[in-house]
Amino acid sequence: MAEKACVKRLQKEFRALCKEPVPHIVARPSPNDILEWHYVLEGSEGTPFAGGYYYGKIKFPTEYPFKPPGITSSRELESHVVSIKLDSSPTTGSVTTSAAEKLRLAKASLAFNCKNATFRKMFPEYVEKYNQQLAEQAQTEVSSLPSQEESSSTPNSEKVVNNNNVQENVAGEEALRVGINNRRQSMPTWMVLFLFSMFGLVMALPLLQP
């Protein structure tokens, strides 16, 4: 169990941190154990760590502040940022990584952290930020679809126009055929007989002359 002096000191430091936040660092104690704090380091703009969110944990001893806390980082911080410093000179135990590799891992860090249940519980604001990024990405992908649909719809529209022209030609020929048939059918039978009679009379006139 933590000593009263340790608890008071940590409570005081947490209040001070809430009143005057430190840039690029978010830290808060666990709801069930004030000796266990969780933190997120945000990569500074203009550095290879820009856009990165590095999650870790601080464990305070009961003798704090007379004994220093122990700092543990998530596997993501250990594997993604082996040497989180701006100075590129080698140090004991450090591993050199390229700026491009740091940028790539920084970009993937938030998605990696959001898979951690403790991270999601302690830092819901970062989970919301990640969801917003996903929504924006989906919106960007959707907004690029209309141009593709327009380009792919051009041959189809031409095909529809051609089909309409063929249908119009067929309809015109059919209408002409129907009109002719209608004219034929509209001539009365008596007129047909009359025409034949007149034709026969004309042909017989030469025979009737003396």
C-alpha atoms as a PDB file:
ATOM      1  CA  MET A   1       0.000   0.000   0.000  1.00  0.00           C
ATOM      2  CA  ALA A   2       1.330   3.434  -0.923  1.00  0.00           C
ATOM      3  CA  GLU A   3       2.488   5.735   1.823  1.00  0.00           C
ATOM      4  CA  LYS A   4       0.451   8.864   2.473  1.00  0.00           C
ATOM      5  CA  ALA A   5       3.353  11.125   1.531  1.00  0.00           C
ATOM      6  CA  CYS A   6       3.681   9.329  -1.819  1.00  0.00           C
ATOM      7  CA  VAL A   7      -0.054   9.559  -2.523  1.00  0.00           C
ATOM      8  CA  LYS A   8      -0.214  13.242  -1.662  1.00  0.00           C
ATOM      9  CA  ARG A   9       2.784  13.980  -3.823  1.00  0.00           C
ATOM     10  CA  LEU A  10       1.330  12.177  -6.842  1.00  0.00           C
ATOM     11  CA  GLN A  11      -2.074  13.820  -6.387  1.00  0.00           C
ATOM     12  CA  LYS A  12      -0.403  17.210  -6.226  1.00  0.00           C
ATOM     13  CA  GLU A  13       1.628  16.532  -9.372  1.00  0.00           C
ATOM     14  CA  PHE A  14      -1.451  15.304 -11.235  1.00  0.00           C
ATOM     15  CA  ARG A  15      -3.380  18.472 -10.363  1.00  0.00           C
ATOM     16  CA  ALA A  16      -0.450  20.575 -11.540  1.00  0.00           C
ATOM     17  CA  LEU A  17      -0.257  18.591 -14.768  1.00  0.00           C
ATOM     18  CA  CYS A  18      -3.972  19.113 -15.407  1.00  0.00           C
ATOM     19  CA  LYS A  19      -3.652  22.824 -14.722  1.00  0.00           C
ATOM     20  CA  GLU A  20      -0.584  23.332 -16.892  1.00  0.00           C
ATOM     21  CA  PRO A  21      -0.308  20.500 -19.458  1.00  0.00           C
ATOM     22  CA  VAL A  22       3.115  19.715 -20.872  1.00  0.00           C
ATOM     23  CA  PRO A  23       3.258  20.013 -24.701  1.00  0.00           C
ATOM     24  CA  HIS A  24       3.212  16.711 -26.599  1.00  0.00           C
ATOM     25  CA  ILE A  25       2.745  14.641 -23.414  1.00  0.00           C
ATOM     26  CA  VAL A  26      -0.471  13.261 -21.912  1.00  0.00           C
ATOM     27  CA  ALA A  27      -0.170  11.386 -18.619  1.00  0.00           C
ATOM     28  CA  ARG A  28      -2.757  10.256 -16.073  1.00  0.00           C
ATOM     29  CA  PRO A  29      -2.910   7.743 -13.195  1.00  0.00           C
ATOM     30  CA  SER A  30      -4.795   4.485 -13.385  1.00  0.00           C
ATOM     31  CA  PRO A  31      -8.304   4.764 -11.843  1.00  0.00           C
ATOM     32  CA  ASN A  32      -7.541   1.792  -9.567  1.00  0.00           C
ATOM     33  CA  ASP A  33      -3.908   2.502  -8.645  1.00  0.00           C
ATOM     34  CA  ILE A  34      -2.391   5.957  -8.296  1.00  0.00           C
ATOM     35  CA  LEU A  35       1.087   4.423  -8.363  1.00  0.00           C
ATOM     36  CA  GLU A  36       0.532   3.352 -11.965  1.00  0.00           C
ATOM     37  CA  TRP A  37       0.456   6.091 -14.572  1.00  0.00           C
ATOM     38  CA  HIS A  38      -0.072   5.826 -18.311  1.00  0.00           C
ATOM     39  CA  TYR A  39       1.332   8.270 -20.819  1.00  0.00           C
ATOM     40  CA  VAL A  40       1.323   9.133 -24.516  1.00  0.00           C
ATOM     41  CA  LEU A  41       4.195  10.952 -26.209  1.00  0.00           C
ATOM     42  CA  GLU A  42       3.178  12.819 -29.359  1.00  0.00           C
ATOM     43  CA  GLY A  43       5.802  13.213 -32.060  1.00  0.00           C
ATOM     44  CA  SER A  44       6.755  16.836 -32.695  1.00  0.00           C
ATOM     45  CA  GLU A  45       6.162  18.419 -36.103  1.00  0.00           C
ATOM     46  CA  GLY A  46       9.259  18.818 -38.211  1.00  0.00           C
ATOM     47  CA  THR A  47      10.828  15.640 -36.800  1.00  0.00           C
ATOM     48  CA  PRO A  48      10.841  12.037 -38.102  1.00  0.00           C
ATOM     49  CA  PHE A  49       8.383  11.231 -35.281  1.00  0.00           C
ATOM     50  CA  ALA A  50       5.699  13.675 -36.472  1.00  0.00           C
ATOM     51  CA  GLY A  51       2.248  12.094 -36.351  1.00  0.00           C
ATOM     52  CA  GLY A  52       3.373   9.394 -33.942  1.00  0.00           C
ATOM     53  CA  TYR A  53       1.648   8.473 -30.661  1.00  0.00           C
ATOM     54  CA  TYR A  54       3.899   6.495 -28.321  1.00  0.00           C
ATOM     55  CA  TYR A  55       2.202   4.788 -25.404  1.00  0.00           C
ATOM     56  CA  GLY A  56       3.843   3.626 -22.178  1.00  0.00           C
ATOM     57  CA  LYS A  57       3.457   3.151 -18.421  1.00  0.00           C
ATOM     58  CA  ILE A  58       5.141   4.614 -15.319  1.00  0.00           C
ATOM     59  CA  LYS A  59       5.253   2.646 -12.066  1.00  0.00           C
ATOM     60  CA  PHE A  60       5.956   4.700  -8.928  1.00  0.00           C
ATOM     61  CA  PRO A  61       7.455   3.071  -5.831  1.00  0.00           C
ATOM     62  CA  THR A  62       5.790   3.567  -2.446  1.00  0.00           C
ATOM     63  CA  GLU A  63       8.891   5.523  -1.405  1.00  0.00           C
ATOM     64  CA  TYR A  64       8.385   8.146  -4.110  1.00  0.00           C
ATOM     65  CA  PRO A  65       9.681  10.887  -4.344  1.00  0.00           C
ATOM     66  CA  PHE A  66      12.707   9.493  -2.558  1.00  0.00           C
ATOM     67  CA  LYS A  67      12.992   6.699  -5.112  1.00  0.00           C
ATOM     68  CA  PRO A  68      12.567   7.199  -8.854  1.00  0.00           C
ATOM     69  CA  PRO A  69       9.738   5.582 -10.815  1.00  0.00           C
ATOM     70  CA  GLY A  70      10.205   2.809 -13.300  1.00  0.00           C
ATOM     71  CA  ILE A  71       9.216   3.533 -16.884  1.00  0.00           C
ATOM     72  CA  THR A  72       7.990   0.808 -19.182  1.00  0.00           C
ATOM     73  CA  SER A  73       6.937   1.304 -22.770  1.00  0.00           C
ATOM     74  CA  SER A  74       4.523  -0.645 -24.871  1.00  0.00           C
ATOM     75  CA  ARG A  75       5.872  -3.122 -27.396  1.00  0.00           C
ATOM     76  CA  GLU A  76       4.863  -0.613 -30.053  1.00  0.00           C
ATOM     77  CA  LEU A  77       7.176   2.038 -28.598  1.00  0.00           C
ATOM     78  CA  GLU A  78      10.014  -0.456 -28.260  1.00  0.00           C
ATOM     79  CA  SER A  79       9.718  -1.734 -31.818  1.00  0.00           C
ATOM     80  CA  HIS A  80       8.674   1.463 -33.588  1.00  0.00           C
ATOM     81  CA  VAL A  81      11.012   3.951 -31.993  1.00  0.00           C
ATOM     82  CA  VAL A  82      14.173   2.226 -30.876  1.00  0.00           C
ATOM     83  CA  SER A  83      15.996   5.489 -30.263  1.00  0.00           C
ATOM     84  CA  ILE A  84      13.534   8.344 -29.663  1.00  0.00           C
ATOM     85  CA  LYS A  85      15.924  11.239 -29.837  1.00  0.00           C
ATOM     86  CA  LEU A  86      16.663  13.939 -32.336  1.00  0.00           C
ATOM     87  CA  ASP A  87      20.420  13.501 -32.098  1.00  0.00           C
ATOM     88  CA  SER A  88      21.517  10.942 -34.689  1.00  0.00           C
ATOM     89  CA  SER A  89      24.815  10.172 -32.957  1.00  0.00           C
ATOM     90  CA  PRO A  90      25.023   6.571 -31.665  1.00  0.00           C
ATOM     91  CA  THR A  91      24.726   5.875 -27.948  1.00  0.00           C
ATOM     92  CA  THR A  92      25.098   2.742 -25.844  1.00  0.00           C
ATOM     93  CA  GLY A  93      22.313   0.294 -26.666  1.00  0.00           C
ATOM     94  CA  SER A  94      20.797   2.456 -29.409  1.00  0.00           C
ATOM     95  CA  VAL A  95      19.878   1.212 -32.871  1.00  0.00           C
ATOM     96  CA  THR A  96      19.962   3.535 -35.866  1.00  0.00           C
ATOM     97  CA  THR A  97      16.857   3.703 -38.069  1.00  0.00           C
ATOM     98  CA  SER A  98      16.249   5.802 -41.164  1.00  0.00           C
ATOM     99  CA  ALA A  99      14.014   8.874 -41.185  1.00  0.00           C
ATOM    100  CA  ALA A 100      11.680   7.181 -43.673  1.00  0.00           C
ATOM    101  CA  GLU A 101      11.302   4.190 -41.367  1.00  0.00           C
ATOM    102  CA  LYS A 102      10.553   6.451 -38.402  1.00  0.00           C
ATOM    103  CA  LEU A 103       7.892   8.288 -40.406  1.00  0.00           C
ATOM    104  CA  ARG A 104       6.284   5.040 -41.529  1.00  0.00           C
ATOM    105  CA  LEU A 105       6.146   3.660 -38.001  1.00  0.00           C
ATOM    106  CA  ALA A 106       4.906   6.972 -36.611  1.00  0.00           C
ATOM    107  CA  LYS A 107       2.008   6.909 -39.062  1.00  0.00           C
ATOM    108  CA  ALA A 108       1.066   3.383 -37.974  1.00  0.00           C
ATOM    109  CA  SER A 109       1.464   3.985 -34.230  1.00  0.00           C
ATOM    110  CA  LEU A 110      -2.054   5.228 -33.463  1.00  0.00           C
ATOM    111  CA  ALA A 111      -3.731   2.274 -35.165  1.00  0.00           C
ATOM    112  CA  PHE A 112      -1.402  -0.066 -33.271  1.00  0.00           C
ATOM    113  CA  ASN A 113      -2.172   1.542 -29.909  1.00  0.00           C
ATOM    114  CA  CYS A 114      -5.928   1.423 -30.473  1.00  0.00           C
ATOM    115  CA  LYS A 115      -5.720  -2.365 -30.476  1.00  0.00           C
ATOM    116  CA  ASN A 116      -4.692  -2.199 -26.790  1.00  0.00           C
ATOM    117  CA  ALA A 117      -7.687  -2.404 -24.415  1.00  0.00           C
ATOM    118  CA  THR A 118      -5.913  -0.436 -21.660  1.00  0.00           C
ATOM    119  CA  PHE A 119      -4.963   2.301 -24.094  1.00  0.00           C
ATOM    120  CA  ARG A 120      -8.570   2.594 -25.285  1.00  0.00           C
ATOM    121  CA  LYS A 121      -9.771   2.837 -21.697  1.00  0.00           C
ATOM    122  CA  MET A 122      -7.189   5.384 -20.556  1.00  0.00           C
ATOM    123  CA  PHE A 123      -7.154   7.578 -23.664  1.00  0.00           C
ATOM    124  CA  PRO A 124     -10.595   7.630 -25.351  1.00  0.00           C
ATOM    125  CA  GLU A 125      -9.750  10.938 -27.038  1.00  0.00           C
ATOM    126  CA  TYR A 126      -7.068   9.208 -29.107  1.00  0.00           C
ATOM    127  CA  VAL A 127      -9.492   6.448 -30.037  1.00  0.00           C
ATOM    128  CA  GLU A 128     -11.893   9.127 -31.272  1.00  0.00           C
ATOM    129  CA  LYS A 129      -9.078  10.745 -33.252  1.00  0.00           C
ATOM    130  CA  TYR A 130      -8.317   7.405 -34.871  1.00  0.00           C
ATOM    131  CA  ASN A 131     -11.975   6.861 -35.777  1.00  0.00           C
ATOM    132  CA  GLN A 132     -12.066  10.310 -37.354  1.00  0.00           C
ATOM    133  CA  GLN A 133      -9.019   9.443 -39.434  1.00  0.00           C
ATOM    134  CA  LEU A 134     -10.730   6.282 -40.644  1.00  0.00           C
ATOM    135  CA  ALA A 135     -13.888   8.229 -41.521  1.00  0.00           C
ATOM    136  CA  GLU A 136     -11.899  10.847 -43.454  1.00  0.00           C
ATOM    137  CA  GLN A 137     -10.016   8.133 -45.304  1.00  0.00           C
ATOM    138  CA  ALA A 138     -13.270   6.399 -46.240  1.00  0.00           C
ATOM    139  CA  GLN A 139     -14.760   9.722 -47.392  1.00  0.00           C
ATOM    140  CA  THR A 140     -11.732  10.386 -49.571  1.00  0.00           C
ATOM    141  CA  GLU A 141     -12.043   6.973 -51.185  1.00  0.00           C
ATOM    142  CA  VAL A 142     -15.754   7.473 -51.820  1.00  0.00           C
ATOM    143  CA  SER A 143     -15.256  10.947 -53.318  1.00  0.00           C
ATOM    144  CA  SER A 144     -12.894   9.487 -55.923  1.00  0.00           C
ATOM    145  CA  LEU A 145     -15.510   7.045 -57.230  1.00  0.00           C
ATOM    146  CA  PRO A 146     -17.736   9.414 -59.349  1.00  0.00           C
ATOM    147  CA  SER A 147     -14.956  10.267 -61.804  1.00  0.00           C
ATOM    148  CA  GLN A 148     -14.357   6.573 -62.401  1.00  0.00           C
ATOM    149  CA  GLU A 149     -18.056   5.946 -62.885  1.00  0.00           C
ATOM    150  CA  GLU A 150     -18.333   8.816 -65.371  1.00  0.00           C
ATOM    151  CA  SER A 151     -15.441   7.510 -67.445  1.00  0.00           C
ATOM    152  CA  SER A 152     -16.846   3.991 -67.427  1.00  0.00           C
ATOM    153  CA  SER A 153     -20.374   5.173 -68.236  1.00  0.00           C
ATOM    154  CA  THR A 154     -19.415   6.858 -71.555  1.00  0.00           C
ATOM    155  CA  PRO A 155     -19.397   3.662 -73.667  1.00  0.00           C
ATOM    156  CA  ASN A 156     -22.670   2.606 -72.063  1.00  0.00           C
ATOM    157  CA  SER A 157     -24.318   5.928 -72.896  1.00  0.00           C
ATOM    158  CA  GLU A 158     -23.165   5.653 -76.515  1.00  0.00           C
ATOM    159  CA  LYS A 159     -24.544   2.156 -76.646  1.00  0.00           C
ATOM    160  CA  VAL A 160     -27.880   3.353 -75.330  1.00  0.00           C
ATOM    161  CA  VAL A 161     -28.016   6.112 -77.979  1.00  0.00           C
ATOM    162  CA  ASN A 162     -27.245   3.620 -80.727  1.00  0.00           C
ATOM    163  CA  ASN A 163     -29.896   1.261 -79.451  1.00  0.00           C
ATOM    164  CA  ASN A 164     -32.399   4.114 -79.381  1.00  0.00           C
ATOM    165  CA  ASN A 165     -31.583   5.006 -83.009  1.00  0.00           C
ATOM    166  CA  VAL A 166     -32.066   1.393 -84.103  1.00  0.00           C
ATOM    167  CA  GLN A 167     -35.346   1.216 -82.238  1.00  0.00           C
ATOM    168  CA  GLU A 168     -36.493   4.478 -83.837  1.00  0.00           C
ATOM    169  CA  ASN A 169     -35.621   3.192 -87.339  1.00  0.00           C
ATOM    170  CA  VAL A 170     -37.442  -0.074 -86.734  1.00  0.00           C
ATOM    171  CA  ALA A 171     -40.432   1.820 -85.362  1.00  0.00           C
ATOM    172  CA  GLY A 172     -40.477   4.125 -88.431  1.00  0.00           C
ATOM    173  CA  GLU A 173     -40.389   1.206 -90.859  1.00  0.00           C
ATOM    174  CA  GLU A 174     -43.127  -0.543 -88.937  1.00  0.00           C
ATOM    175  CA  ALA A 175     -45.255   2.614 -88.941  1.00  0.00           C
ATOM    176  CA  LEU A 176     -44.798   2.976 -92.722  1.00  0.00           C
ATOM    177  CA  ARG A 177     -45.749  -0.656 -93.281  1.00  0.00           C
ATOM    178  CA  VAL A 178     -48.781  -0.330 -91.050  1.00  0.00           C
ATOM    179  CA  GLY A 179     -49.801   2.894 -92.870  1.00  0.00           C
ATOM    180  CA  ILE A 180     -49.680   1.189 -96.230  1.00  0.00           C
ATOM    181  CA  ASN A 181     -51.664  -1.752 -94.960  1.00  0.00           C
ATOM    182  CA  ASN A 182     -54.171   0.596 -93.391  1.00  0.00           C
ATOM    183  CA  ARG A 183     -54.623   2.471 -96.682  1.00  0.00           C
ATOM    184  CA  ARG A 184     -55.173  -0.820 -98.430  1.00  0.00           C
ATOM    185  CA  GLN A 185     -57.641  -1.955 -95.823  1.00  0.00           C
ATOM    186  CA  SER A 186     -59.398   1.422 -95.737  1.00  0.00           C
ATOM    187  CA  MET A 187     -60.482   1.187 -99.490  1.00  0.00           C
ATOM    188  CA  PRO A 188     -64.087  -0.076 -99.577  1.00  0.00           C
ATOM    189  CA  THR A 189     -64.947  -3.196-101.539  1.00  0.00           C
ATOM    190  CA  TRP A 190     -67.455  -1.370-103.693  1.00  0.00           C
ATOM    191  CA  MET A 191     -64.767   1.036-104.850  1.00  0.00           C
ATOM    192  CA  VAL A 192     -62.545  -1.839-105.851  1.00  0.00           C
ATOM    193  CA  LEU A 193     -65.424  -3.323-107.883  1.00  0.00           C
ATOM    194  CA  PHE A 194     -66.184   0.078-109.384  1.00  0.00           C
ATOM    195  CA  LEU A 195     -62.615   0.555-110.527  1.00  0.00           C
ATOM    196  CA  PHE A 196     -62.544  -2.874-112.112  1.00  0.00           C
ATOM    197  CA  SER A 197     -65.857  -2.141-113.853  1.00  0.00           C
ATOM    198  CA  MET A 198     -64.594   1.174-115.207  1.00  0.00           C
ATOM    199  CA  PHE A 199     -61.429  -0.482-116.390  1.00  0.00           C
ATOM    200  CA  GLY A 200     -63.454  -3.165-118.190  1.00  0.00           C
ATOM    201  CA  LEU A 201     -65.731  -0.555-119.784  1.00  0.00           C
ATOM    202  CA  VAL A 202     -62.807   1.444-121.114  1.00  0.00           C
ATOM    203  CA  MET A 203     -61.281  -1.685-122.560  1.00  0.00           C
ATOM    204  CA  ALA A 204     -64.597  -2.622-124.211  1.00  0.00           C
ATOM    205  CA  LEU A 205     -65.290   0.778-125.852  1.00  0.00           C
ATOM    206  CA  PRO A 206     -63.367  -0.038-129.054  1.00  0.00           C
ATOM    207  CA  LEU A 207     -65.443  -3.160-129.523  1.00  0.00           C
ATOM    208  CA  LEU A 208     -68.740  -1.264-129.154  1.00  0.00           C
ATOM    209  CA  GLN A 209     -67.917   1.248-131.899  1.00  0.00           C
ATOM    210  CA  PRO A 210     -69.524   0.408-135.406  1.00  0.00           C
END
